[in-house]
């Protein structure tokens, strides 16, 4: 089911993966490369998906376009700016940005956020520390603000969300795991891999039968 607004899906794959020790995009979690979990989450509702940053060969091997970060060492903000420029050039309403290291995010979450993506607000899930910046819809209208902050080397996405309109969506309970903190977890270290795999395994198990009343 395509989104009611025309959106560019942007898998944010840049960064040095210093804590993880190797490129996270192609590291496997639950038998699937992390970038492929992100692609699965986006492709049901977003018809145009690109990879931003990282190794262009990773995108090419999946038949996806690749965008270079708008500035070197600009962090996720540089990736977002690059994606917003591409969306603007294509006449799209905005970008759904999803980090390549969030394998618990699925199409249910993306769809729940895109339902609210008709205006000029960023639409982000509400996590335990506020809006989650790397699983969010960004309207093309916020490109100018993002570009100015990148030019000033103010690279915090959390700070960006304090100066643009934001709608938060409570995603707790819409899919397994039911808790937003687990659902929005990032796999930052090798120790996070078994935690994510346990959550994915629990999601795939059939529900326990309930006793008859």
Protein backbone atom coordinates (compact mmCIF):
# COMPACT_ATOMS: atom_id res chain seq x y z
CA UNK A 1 0.00 0.00 0.00
CA UNK A 2 1.61 3.25 -1.14
CA UNK A 3 1.70 6.30 1.10
CA UNK A 4 -0.99 8.94 0.34
CA UNK A 5 1.84 11.48 0.00
CA UNK A 6 4.78 11.11 -2.39
CA UNK A 7 7.79 10.39 -0.22
CA UNK A 8 11.42 9.47 -0.77
CA UNK A 9 12.53 6.66 1.52
CA UNK A 10 16.07 7.33 2.74
CA UNK A 11 18.05 4.62 4.52
CA UNK A 12 20.71 6.52 6.47
CA UNK A 13 23.82 4.35 6.21
CA UNK A 14 26.69 6.77 6.81
CA UNK A 15 28.87 6.96 9.89
CA UNK A 16 32.03 5.20 10.95
CA UNK A 17 30.42 2.38 12.99
CA UNK A 18 33.22 2.86 15.51
CA UNK A 19 31.36 1.26 18.40
CA UNK A 20 30.20 -1.65 16.24
CA UNK A 21 33.65 -2.29 14.79
CA UNK A 22 32.56 -2.86 11.16
CA UNK A 23 29.97 -1.44 8.74
CA UNK A 24 26.57 -1.91 10.34
CA UNK A 25 24.55 -1.81 7.13
CA UNK A 26 25.68 -5.28 6.04
CA UNK A 27 26.01 -6.83 9.51
CA UNK A 28 23.43 -9.57 10.03
CA UNK A 29 20.75 -9.55 12.70
CA UNK A 30 18.36 -12.46 12.72
CA UNK A 31 19.79 -13.84 9.47
CA UNK A 32 19.29 -10.62 7.51
CA UNK A 33 21.59 -7.65 6.88
CA UNK A 34 20.44 -4.68 8.92
CA UNK A 35 19.98 -2.54 5.83
CA UNK A 36 17.55 -5.14 4.49
CA UNK A 37 15.39 -4.83 7.61
CA UNK A 38 15.18 -1.10 6.88
CA UNK A 39 14.38 -1.74 3.23
CA UNK A 40 11.59 -4.17 4.19
CA UNK A 41 10.11 -1.58 6.54
CA UNK A 42 10.00 1.10 3.85
CA UNK A 43 9.18 -0.70 0.62
CA UNK A 44 5.54 -1.55 1.43
CA UNK A 45 4.48 2.11 1.61
CA UNK A 46 7.29 4.03 -0.14
CA UNK A 47 7.83 3.43 -3.85
CA UNK A 48 11.18 5.24 -4.16
CA UNK A 49 13.95 4.20 -1.73
CA UNK A 50 17.60 5.28 -1.72
CA UNK A 51 20.60 4.64 0.50
CA UNK A 52 22.33 7.74 1.85
CA UNK A 53 26.02 7.52 2.75
CA UNK A 54 28.06 4.38 3.26
CA UNK A 55 29.32 2.11 0.49
CA UNK A 56 27.56 2.73 -2.86
CA UNK A 57 28.02 -0.96 -3.72
CA UNK A 58 25.61 -1.89 -0.92
CA UNK A 59 22.86 0.14 -2.58
CA UNK A 60 23.75 -1.07 -6.07
CA UNK A 61 23.59 -4.73 -5.04
CA UNK A 62 19.99 -4.15 -3.95
CA UNK A 63 18.96 -2.22 -7.03
CA UNK A 64 18.71 1.05 -5.07
CA UNK A 65 19.95 4.53 -5.78
CA UNK A 66 22.74 5.99 -3.65
CA UNK A 67 23.21 9.55 -2.38
CA UNK A 68 26.42 10.98 -0.97
CA UNK A 69 26.15 12.90 2.31
CA UNK A 70 25.75 16.62 1.70
CA UNK A 71 28.93 17.36 3.70
CA UNK A 72 31.79 15.17 4.91
CA UNK A 73 31.70 14.34 8.61
CA UNK A 74 28.26 15.95 8.81
CA UNK A 75 26.64 13.01 10.55
CA UNK A 76 23.00 12.06 9.96
CA UNK A 77 22.09 15.70 9.32
CA UNK A 78 24.27 15.68 6.19
CA UNK A 79 22.47 12.55 5.03
CA UNK A 80 19.09 14.10 5.71
CA UNK A 81 19.98 17.27 3.78
CA UNK A 82 21.09 15.18 0.80
CA UNK A 83 17.83 13.21 0.88
CA UNK A 84 15.69 16.36 1.23
CA UNK A 85 17.45 17.93 -1.75
CA UNK A 86 16.72 14.82 -3.82
CA UNK A 87 13.07 14.79 -2.72
CA UNK A 88 12.72 18.48 -3.60
CA UNK A 89 14.30 17.94 -7.03
CA UNK A 90 11.82 15.09 -7.67
CA UNK A 91 8.83 17.17 -6.59
CA UNK A 92 8.11 14.92 -3.60
CA UNK A 93 6.44 15.99 -0.39
CA UNK A 94 9.33 14.90 1.80
CA UNK A 95 11.58 12.15 3.09
CA UNK A 96 11.03 9.20 5.38
CA UNK A 97 14.44 8.82 7.00
CA UNK A 98 15.26 5.48 8.63
CA UNK A 99 18.61 4.53 10.12
CA UNK A 100 20.13 1.32 8.81
CA UNK A 101 20.60 -0.02 12.35
CA UNK A 102 16.99 -0.16 13.60
CA UNK A 103 15.87 -3.70 12.66
CA UNK A 104 12.83 -3.70 14.95
CA UNK A 105 11.13 -0.93 12.96
CA UNK A 106 8.73 -2.55 10.50
CA UNK A 107 6.17 -1.49 7.91
CA UNK A 108 3.51 -1.12 10.60
CA UNK A 109 5.52 1.65 12.25
CA UNK A 110 6.31 3.40 8.97
CA UNK A 111 2.65 3.28 7.94
CA UNK A 112 1.47 4.67 11.28
CA UNK A 113 3.77 7.68 10.88
CA UNK A 114 2.97 8.32 7.23
CA UNK A 115 -0.72 8.58 8.05
CA UNK A 116 0.13 11.96 9.60
CA UNK A 117 2.48 13.14 6.83
CA UNK A 118 0.07 15.43 4.98
CA UNK A 119 1.27 18.77 6.38
CA UNK A 120 4.51 20.65 6.89
CA UNK A 121 5.40 19.01 10.21
CA UNK A 122 8.09 16.48 10.95
CA UNK A 123 6.30 13.29 12.04
CA UNK A 124 8.31 11.22 14.52
CA UNK A 125 7.58 8.38 16.91
CA UNK A 126 7.66 9.24 20.56
CA UNK A 127 10.54 7.41 22.20
CA UNK A 128 11.68 7.37 25.83
CA UNK A 129 13.91 10.43 25.23
CA UNK A 130 11.49 12.38 23.06
CA UNK A 131 10.97 12.28 19.27
CA UNK A 132 13.08 9.66 17.47
CA UNK A 133 15.00 11.52 14.77
CA UNK A 134 16.12 8.59 12.60
CA UNK A 135 12.75 6.98 12.07
CA UNK A 136 10.75 9.98 10.94
CA UNK A 137 9.07 11.82 8.10
CA UNK A 138 10.68 15.16 7.19
CA UNK A 139 8.73 17.48 4.86
CA UNK A 140 10.61 19.14 2.03
CA UNK A 141 9.68 22.46 3.66
CA UNK A 142 12.32 21.95 6.36
CA UNK A 143 15.20 21.71 3.86
CA UNK A 144 16.23 25.34 4.25
CA UNK A 145 16.47 25.12 8.04
CA UNK A 146 18.43 21.87 7.81
CA UNK A 147 20.84 23.34 5.26
CA UNK A 148 21.51 26.41 7.41
CA UNK A 149 22.25 24.28 10.46
CA UNK A 150 24.58 22.07 8.44
CA UNK A 151 26.41 25.16 7.14
CA UNK A 152 26.89 26.32 10.75
CA UNK A 153 28.14 22.84 11.74
CA UNK A 154 25.21 22.53 14.16
CA UNK A 155 24.76 18.85 13.39
CA UNK A 156 22.32 17.71 16.06
CA UNK A 157 19.09 16.29 14.68
CA UNK A 158 17.61 16.57 18.16
CA UNK A 159 18.33 20.32 18.05
CA UNK A 160 16.81 20.55 14.55
CA UNK A 161 13.55 19.12 15.89
CA UNK A 162 13.40 21.96 18.41
CA UNK A 163 13.22 24.62 15.68
CA UNK A 164 10.81 23.01 13.19
CA UNK A 165 7.17 21.95 13.70
CA UNK A 166 6.98 18.38 14.99
CA UNK A 167 4.09 15.98 15.46
CA UNK A 168 4.88 13.03 17.71
CA UNK A 169 3.09 9.70 17.37
CA UNK A 170 2.89 7.14 20.16
CA UNK A 171 3.83 3.84 18.50
CA UNK A 172 3.76 1.79 21.70
CA UNK A 173 1.54 -1.23 21.26
CA UNK A 174 1.06 -1.05 17.48
CA UNK A 175 3.40 -3.99 16.88
CA UNK A 176 5.77 -6.26 18.79
CA UNK A 177 7.67 -5.40 20.88
CA UNK A 178 4.93 -3.28 22.40
CA UNK A 179 7.34 -0.95 24.24
CA UNK A 180 8.61 2.01 22.21
CA UNK A 181 12.07 1.80 23.80
CA UNK A 182 12.65 -1.72 22.42
CA UNK A 183 10.87 -1.09 19.13
CA UNK A 184 13.08 1.93 18.37
CA UNK A 185 16.36 0.43 19.60
CA UNK A 186 19.52 1.01 17.57
CA UNK A 187 22.06 -1.77 17.23
CA UNK A 188 25.14 0.23 18.20
CA UNK A 189 27.47 -2.49 19.49
CA UNK A 190 27.95 -6.21 18.87
CA UNK A 191 26.39 -6.80 22.29
CA UNK A 192 23.14 -5.29 20.99
CA UNK A 193 22.80 -7.96 18.28
CA UNK A 194 21.52 -10.82 20.49
CA UNK A 195 19.11 -8.41 22.20
CA UNK A 196 17.61 -7.43 18.86
CA UNK A 197 17.51 -11.04 17.70
CA UNK A 198 15.63 -12.10 20.82
CA UNK A 199 13.02 -9.40 20.18
CA UNK A 200 12.70 -10.38 16.53
CA UNK A 201 12.33 -14.03 17.49
CA UNK A 202 9.58 -13.21 19.99
CA UNK A 203 7.77 -11.24 17.27
CA UNK A 204 7.81 -14.19 14.87
CA UNK A 205 6.52 -16.76 17.36
CA UNK A 206 2.79 -17.45 17.26
CA UNK A 207 0.77 -16.10 20.14
CA UNK A 208 0.19 -18.42 23.05
CA UNK A 209 -3.34 -19.87 23.02
CA UNK A 210 -5.59 -18.35 25.64
CA UNK A 211 -7.45 -20.66 28.04
CA UNK A 212 -11.15 -21.03 27.43
CA UNK A 213 -13.32 -18.97 29.78
